[in-house]
């Protein structure tokens, strides 16, 4: 009987092997494989590894004529190497919860040529962000208020951007009551709020009130791709509808991330309601001095180390040298062209 027959690689015991009979008094592998065994499903064609795994190279087979996701995981798949083992290039950030194309146990499992698009996204890590309201919903309102200010990266609140995770909120020269201080904008409590007011509350036609920025400092640098805020508990007239959002990787060099003049239609009038998430612009780092001999030893761009998307880097060389082109354009984290050269004047 086939009951004790050991099927070769690529085969599994037939479902009724206990009643199948070999073609002789003893079972012989070469002769009786087709009698006692059925062809196993191949992992390469019949199994899809879940996220975080990669297919084993052939020959690999499921433990049945059909593959089963749970039963055959270890037969068909190796754990993949997390993307955190890949160093993303400058002006790129890691995509969360992504894996390289090779198994974790293999040497050089992550490779920029193969894994860049999977593991990395155009971006910049920030230590500081500042939200400057420039217009309230009502032109006559000398106050603005925010119930909760949210920073996101790939649809998740940025770690460290809330008070209970080490985030710090402040407002330089801000004018706010103690009970409505900047930290209330990141305390995860919609019923509290940050409020700022122009010290001169007198309104007249054409008057533009001036407000101070809400600044958020992260305990460690993190990427950000979207932001939103929750409307506060009262007075929709105080909702910010125009603003500038700026970000800095070091608290020194700043870039414009988002700017609107009036998005009243997008800011809900309901209280404790979240605005749409607004996508930020990705700034560019200036080219590294290392790659441009005879460039300016302070910054290769006259604008500094960080250039806002939509702006230009004005090429800067050392005294006695001139750049091969006047400017490089920054568009969503990418300089075009990436470098310039410096030649004797």
Protein backbone atom coordinates (compact mmCIF):
# COMPACT_ATOMS: atom_id res chain seq x y z
CA UNK A 1 0.00 0.00 0.00
CA UNK A 2 1.05 3.63 -0.57
CA UNK A 3 0.42 4.58 3.08
CA UNK A 4 4.13 4.72 4.01
CA UNK A 5 5.37 5.93 0.64
CA UNK A 6 7.56 9.07 0.83
CA UNK A 7 6.73 11.30 -2.11
CA UNK A 8 9.61 13.04 -3.91
CA UNK A 9 10.06 16.81 -4.13
CA UNK A 10 7.22 18.38 -6.12
CA UNK A 11 4.67 15.75 -5.07
CA UNK A 12 2.35 15.24 -2.09
CA UNK A 13 0.66 12.10 -0.85
CA UNK A 14 -2.64 11.50 -2.56
CA UNK A 15 -5.69 12.17 -0.41
CA UNK A 16 -6.54 8.46 -0.51
CA UNK A 17 -2.96 7.16 -0.30
CA UNK A 18 -3.91 4.67 2.42
CA UNK A 19 -5.93 2.63 -0.04
CA UNK A 20 -3.77 3.11 -3.09
CA UNK A 21 -1.50 0.20 -4.06
CA UNK A 22 2.01 0.23 -5.40
CA UNK A 23 2.64 -1.68 -8.64
CA UNK A 24 4.68 -4.42 -6.95
CA UNK A 25 5.13 -6.28 -3.65
CA UNK A 26 7.19 -3.29 -2.48
CA UNK A 27 6.91 0.37 -3.32
CA UNK A 28 9.64 1.76 -5.56
CA UNK A 29 10.17 5.53 -5.77
CA UNK A 30 10.73 5.84 -9.50
CA UNK A 31 7.94 3.44 -10.44
CA UNK A 32 5.24 4.31 -7.92
CA UNK A 33 5.49 8.09 -7.48
CA UNK A 34 2.70 8.74 -9.96
CA UNK A 35 0.56 6.06 -8.31
CA UNK A 36 0.92 7.13 -4.70
CA UNK A 37 1.40 10.87 -5.07
CA UNK A 38 -0.24 13.87 -6.68
CA UNK A 39 1.60 16.81 -8.19
CA UNK A 40 2.10 19.56 -5.56
CA UNK A 41 1.19 23.15 -6.32
CA UNK A 42 4.28 25.25 -7.08
CA UNK A 43 4.90 28.22 -4.82
CA UNK A 44 6.15 30.35 -7.71
CA UNK A 45 2.86 30.13 -9.62
CA UNK A 46 0.22 29.34 -7.00
CA UNK A 47 1.22 31.22 -3.84
CA UNK A 48 1.36 34.94 -3.11
CA UNK A 49 3.54 35.84 -0.13
CA UNK A 50 2.00 38.34 2.28
CA UNK A 51 3.46 41.79 2.95
CA UNK A 52 6.87 41.46 4.58
CA UNK A 53 7.78 38.20 2.84
CA UNK A 54 9.40 37.21 -0.44
CA UNK A 55 9.02 34.01 -2.45
CA UNK A 56 11.57 31.28 -2.00
CA UNK A 57 13.35 30.50 -5.26
CA UNK A 58 12.30 27.34 -7.12
CA UNK A 59 12.01 24.52 -6.43
CA UNK A 60 9.52 25.26 -3.64
CA UNK A 61 6.14 23.57 -3.37
CA UNK A 62 3.02 23.80 -1.27
CA UNK A 63 1.96 20.91 0.95
CA UNK A 64 -0.99 20.04 -1.26
CA UNK A 65 -2.31 20.13 -4.76
CA UNK A 66 -3.51 23.64 -3.94
CA UNK A 67 -1.72 26.22 -1.82
CA UNK A 68 -3.08 27.40 1.52
CA UNK A 69 -2.07 30.85 2.78
CA UNK A 70 -1.53 29.85 6.38
CA UNK A 71 -0.22 26.31 5.98
CA UNK A 72 2.30 27.05 3.26
CA UNK A 73 3.79 30.37 4.39
CA UNK A 74 7.04 28.87 5.65
CA UNK A 75 7.27 26.49 2.71
CA UNK A 76 6.95 29.22 0.11
CA UNK A 77 8.28 32.41 1.68
CA UNK A 78 11.25 33.95 3.50
CA UNK A 79 10.92 37.03 5.72
CA UNK A 80 11.95 40.08 3.69
CA UNK A 81 14.54 42.60 4.83
CA UNK A 82 12.90 45.77 6.26
CA UNK A 83 13.56 48.94 4.29
CA UNK A 84 15.05 50.53 7.39
CA UNK A 85 18.23 48.61 6.48
CA UNK A 86 18.52 50.71 3.33
CA UNK A 87 19.98 54.21 3.51
CA UNK A 88 17.77 56.51 1.44
CA UNK A 89 19.57 59.20 -0.60
CA UNK A 90 19.54 62.84 0.37
CA UNK A 91 16.10 64.43 0.05
CA UNK A 92 14.43 61.03 0.42
CA UNK A 93 12.76 59.54 3.50
CA UNK A 94 11.80 55.98 4.36
CA UNK A 95 8.30 54.84 3.48
CA UNK A 96 6.85 53.25 6.62
CA UNK A 97 6.34 49.49 6.90
CA UNK A 98 8.03 48.60 3.62
CA UNK A 99 10.43 45.80 2.73
CA UNK A 100 13.23 45.22 0.26
CA UNK A 101 12.88 42.73 -2.59
CA UNK A 102 15.23 40.15 -1.10
CA UNK A 103 15.07 37.85 1.92
CA UNK A 104 16.46 39.12 5.21
CA UNK A 105 19.08 36.36 5.50
CA UNK A 106 20.76 37.20 2.19
CA UNK A 107 23.83 39.44 2.01
CA UNK A 108 23.15 42.92 0.63
CA UNK A 109 19.43 42.22 0.84
CA UNK A 110 18.62 45.89 0.26
CA UNK A 111 19.88 47.66 -2.84
CA UNK A 112 19.22 51.24 -3.92
CA UNK A 113 18.96 50.32 -7.58
CA UNK A 114 16.25 47.74 -6.92
CA UNK A 115 14.53 49.07 -3.81
CA UNK A 116 14.59 52.86 -4.06
CA UNK A 117 11.00 53.31 -5.25
CA UNK A 118 9.67 50.77 -2.75
CA UNK A 119 11.60 51.97 0.27
CA UNK A 120 12.08 55.70 -0.19
CA UNK A 121 9.94 58.72 -1.02
CA UNK A 122 10.88 62.29 -1.84
CA UNK A 123 10.84 64.15 1.44
CA UNK A 124 12.69 65.83 4.26
CA UNK A 125 12.81 65.20 7.99
CA UNK A 126 11.85 68.15 10.16
CA UNK A 127 12.70 69.16 13.69
CA UNK A 128 10.50 72.27 13.72
CA UNK A 129 7.32 73.46 12.05
CA UNK A 130 5.50 76.76 12.40
CA UNK A 131 1.94 77.55 11.41
CA UNK A 132 1.30 81.25 10.86
CA UNK A 133 -2.35 82.28 10.42
CA UNK A 134 -2.64 85.26 8.10
CA UNK A 135 -6.42 85.48 7.86
CA UNK A 136 -9.37 84.58 10.07
CA UNK A 137 -12.71 83.56 8.61
CA UNK A 138 -14.14 86.94 9.57
CA UNK A 139 -12.10 89.95 8.50
CA UNK A 140 -13.24 91.74 11.66
CA UNK A 141 -11.90 89.03 13.99
CA UNK A 142 -8.75 90.08 15.83
CA UNK A 143 -8.39 86.53 17.18
CA UNK A 144 -7.59 83.12 15.65
CA UNK A 145 -7.92 79.75 17.33
CA UNK A 146 -7.08 76.09 16.72
CA UNK A 147 -8.54 73.16 18.63
CA UNK A 148 -5.84 70.63 17.65
CA UNK A 149 -2.99 70.83 15.15
CA UNK A 150 -2.14 67.57 13.39
CA UNK A 151 0.93 66.48 11.46
CA UNK A 152 0.75 63.31 9.33
CA UNK A 153 3.05 60.99 7.46
CA UNK A 154 1.46 58.27 5.33
CA UNK A 155 -1.93 58.76 7.05
CA UNK A 156 -0.52 58.37 10.57
CA UNK A 157 -0.03 61.09 13.19
CA UNK A 158 3.70 61.88 13.29
CA UNK A 159 5.36 60.32 16.33
CA UNK A 160 6.50 63.00 18.76
CA UNK A 161 4.14 65.66 17.42
CA UNK A 162 1.86 65.48 20.47
CA UNK A 163 2.46 66.69 24.00
CA UNK A 164 2.37 63.20 25.54
CA UNK A 165 5.11 62.02 23.14
CA UNK A 166 7.59 64.79 23.82
CA UNK A 167 6.31 67.39 21.36
CA UNK A 168 6.70 71.02 22.40
CA UNK A 169 4.46 73.85 21.22
CA UNK A 170 5.21 77.53 21.66
CA UNK A 171 4.51 80.91 20.09
CA UNK A 172 7.27 83.49 19.93
CA UNK A 173 5.83 86.85 21.05
CA UNK A 174 2.36 85.26 20.99
CA UNK A 175 -0.55 86.99 22.69
CA UNK A 176 -2.69 84.28 24.32
CA UNK A 177 -4.46 83.58 27.64
CA UNK A 178 -2.73 81.07 29.95
CA UNK A 179 -5.62 78.62 29.58
CA UNK A 180 -5.38 78.82 25.76
CA UNK A 181 -1.64 78.44 25.35
CA UNK A 182 0.14 76.81 22.37
CA UNK A 183 0.54 73.43 24.11
CA UNK A 184 -3.25 73.08 24.02
CA UNK A 185 -2.97 72.67 20.23
CA UNK A 186 -1.10 69.36 20.58
CA UNK A 187 -2.63 67.87 23.75
CA UNK A 188 -5.05 65.48 21.95
CA UNK A 189 -7.98 67.20 23.71
CA UNK A 190 -10.28 68.86 21.15
CA UNK A 191 -12.08 70.77 23.92
CA UNK A 192 -8.94 72.81 24.62
CA UNK A 193 -7.47 75.28 22.14
CA UNK A 194 -4.66 77.63 21.23
CA UNK A 195 -5.73 81.24 20.70
CA UNK A 196 -3.73 84.19 19.45
CA UNK A 197 -4.89 87.78 19.14
CA UNK A 198 -3.69 91.03 17.68
CA UNK A 199 -2.99 93.37 20.62
CA UNK A 200 -4.93 96.10 18.81
CA UNK A 201 -8.51 94.79 18.44
CA UNK A 202 -9.95 97.83 16.65
CA UNK A 203 -11.35 96.94 13.24
CA UNK A 204 -12.00 99.27 10.35
CA UNK A 205 -12.52 98.51 6.65
CA UNK A 206 -9.25 97.40 5.11
CA UNK A 207 -7.64 96.57 8.45
CA UNK A 208 -5.52 93.41 8.37
CA UNK A 209 -4.88 91.88 11.76
CA UNK A 210 -1.50 90.34 12.50
CA UNK A 211 -1.11 87.04 14.33
CA UNK A 212 1.84 85.09 15.69
CA UNK A 213 2.83 81.61 14.63
CA UNK A 214 2.13 78.34 16.41
CA UNK A 215 5.47 76.49 16.51
CA UNK A 216 5.84 72.75 17.08
CA UNK A 217 9.20 71.19 17.95
CA UNK A 218 9.64 67.44 17.64
CA UNK A 219 11.86 65.45 20.03
CA UNK A 220 13.61 63.97 16.99
CA UNK A 221 13.47 64.77 13.31
CA UNK A 222 10.59 63.16 11.44
CA UNK A 223 9.14 63.29 7.91
CA UNK A 224 5.78 65.01 7.37
CA UNK A 225 3.62 64.91 4.25
CA UNK A 226 0.26 66.38 5.36
CA UNK A 227 -1.28 68.53 8.09
CA UNK A 228 -4.70 69.56 9.32
CA UNK A 229 -6.35 71.22 12.27
CA UNK A 230 -9.52 70.80 14.31
CA UNK A 231 -11.84 73.76 14.65
CA UNK A 232 -12.13 75.01 18.21
CA UNK A 233 -15.13 75.01 20.54
CA UNK A 234 -16.71 78.33 19.57
CA UNK A 235 -16.69 81.36 17.28
CA UNK A 236 -16.21 80.09 13.74
CA UNK A 237 -15.21 83.66 12.88
CA UNK A 238 -11.84 82.89 14.51
CA UNK A 239 -11.03 79.89 12.30
CA UNK A 240 -7.80 80.39 10.32
CA UNK A 241 -8.59 80.29 6.59
CA UNK A 242 -5.32 81.70 5.31
CA UNK A 243 -1.86 80.67 6.52
CA UNK A 244 1.78 79.86 5.91
CA UNK A 245 3.31 76.60 7.11
CA UNK A 246 7.07 76.47 7.27
CA UNK A 247 9.39 73.62 8.23
CA UNK A 248 13.01 73.30 9.25
CA UNK A 249 15.32 70.29 9.54
CA UNK A 250 17.43 71.99 12.18
CA UNK A 251 15.57 74.99 13.61
CA UNK A 252 17.85 77.32 11.61
CA UNK A 253 17.09 76.88 7.91
CA UNK A 254 13.41 77.21 6.98
CA UNK A 255 11.37 76.42 3.88
CA UNK A 256 7.81 77.15 2.87
CA UNK A 257 5.69 73.97 2.99
CA UNK A 258 2.19 75.29 2.35
CA UNK A 259 0.57 78.68 1.77
CA UNK A 260 -3.03 79.69 1.13
CA UNK A 261 -4.72 83.07 1.03
CA UNK A 262 -8.32 81.99 1.72
CA UNK A 263 -9.67 78.43 1.90
CA UNK A 264 -12.86 79.30 3.78
CA UNK A 265 -14.85 76.79 1.74
CA UNK A 266 -12.56 73.97 2.86
CA UNK A 267 -12.56 74.77 6.59
CA UNK A 268 -15.67 73.31 8.26
CA UNK A 269 -17.96 75.62 10.19
CA UNK A 270 -18.88 72.75 12.55
CA UNK A 271 -17.07 72.86 15.87
CA UNK A 272 -14.52 70.17 16.80
CA UNK A 273 -14.32 69.25 13.08
CA UNK A 274 -11.12 68.39 11.23
CA UNK A 275 -10.18 70.29 8.11
CA UNK A 276 -9.10 68.36 5.03
CA UNK A 277 -5.51 67.20 5.17
CA UNK A 278 -3.34 69.59 3.22
CA UNK A 279 -0.37 68.17 1.30
CA UNK A 280 2.93 69.89 1.92
CA UNK A 281 5.53 70.92 -0.62
CA UNK A 282 8.84 69.06 -0.32
CA UNK A 283 11.86 71.38 -0.03
CA UNK A 284 15.30 70.65 -1.47
CA UNK A 285 18.66 70.48 0.24
CA UNK A 286 21.37 72.55 -1.40
CA UNK A 287 23.98 70.47 -3.26
CA UNK A 288 26.76 69.22 -0.99
CA UNK A 289 30.00 71.19 -1.15
CA UNK A 290 31.81 67.85 -1.35
CA UNK A 291 30.53 67.32 -4.90
CA UNK A 292 31.30 70.82 -6.20
CA UNK A 293 34.97 71.77 -5.98
CA UNK A 294 35.57 75.50 -5.46
CA UNK A 295 32.00 76.16 -4.42
CA UNK A 296 31.14 78.63 -1.69
CA UNK A 297 32.42 77.14 1.58
CA UNK A 298 29.37 78.39 3.49
CA UNK A 299 26.48 77.33 1.25
CA UNK A 300 26.41 76.21 -2.38
CA UNK A 301 23.11 78.11 -2.75
CA UNK A 302 22.88 81.79 -1.87
CA UNK A 303 19.46 80.98 -0.34
CA UNK A 304 21.09 78.72 2.26
CA UNK A 305 21.03 75.00 2.94
CA UNK A 306 17.29 74.53 2.28
CA UNK A 307 15.33 75.71 -0.77
CA UNK A 308 11.53 75.80 -0.93
CA UNK A 309 9.74 73.86 -3.65
CA UNK A 310 8.92 76.23 -6.48
CA UNK A 311 11.94 78.40 -5.72
CA UNK A 312 15.48 78.32 -7.09
CA UNK A 313 18.94 77.70 -5.72
CA UNK A 314 21.23 80.50 -6.86
CA UNK A 315 24.54 78.77 -7.53
CA UNK A 316 27.42 80.15 -5.47
CA UNK A 317 31.15 79.61 -5.99
CA UNK A 318 34.25 80.65 -4.08
CA UNK A 319 35.82 84.01 -4.83
CA UNK A 320 37.53 83.92 -8.22
CA UNK A 321 35.22 81.23 -9.60
CA UNK A 322 31.93 81.34 -11.42
CA UNK A 323 29.12 78.74 -11.65
CA UNK A 324 28.37 76.80 -14.82
CA UNK A 325 24.72 77.90 -14.57
CA UNK A 326 23.01 80.62 -12.55
CA UNK A 327 20.22 78.67 -10.85
CA UNK A 328 18.88 75.21 -10.08
CA UNK A 329 15.10 74.74 -9.75
CA UNK A 330 13.57 72.95 -6.76
CA UNK A 331 10.39 70.96 -7.45
CA UNK A 332 8.99 68.67 -4.75
CA UNK A 333 12.34 67.70 -3.29
CA UNK A 334 14.27 67.45 -6.56
CA UNK A 335 16.83 69.94 -7.83
CA UNK A 336 17.09 70.32 -11.60
CA UNK A 337 19.86 69.96 -12.51
CA UNK A 338 21.25 68.29 -9.41
CA UNK A 339 24.70 69.91 -9.52
CA UNK A 340 26.70 72.72 -11.06
CA UNK A 341 30.43 73.27 -11.47
CA UNK A 342 32.68 76.15 -10.51
CA UNK A 343 35.36 77.34 -12.98
CA UNK A 344 37.93 80.12 -12.75
CA UNK A 345 36.44 83.51 -13.62
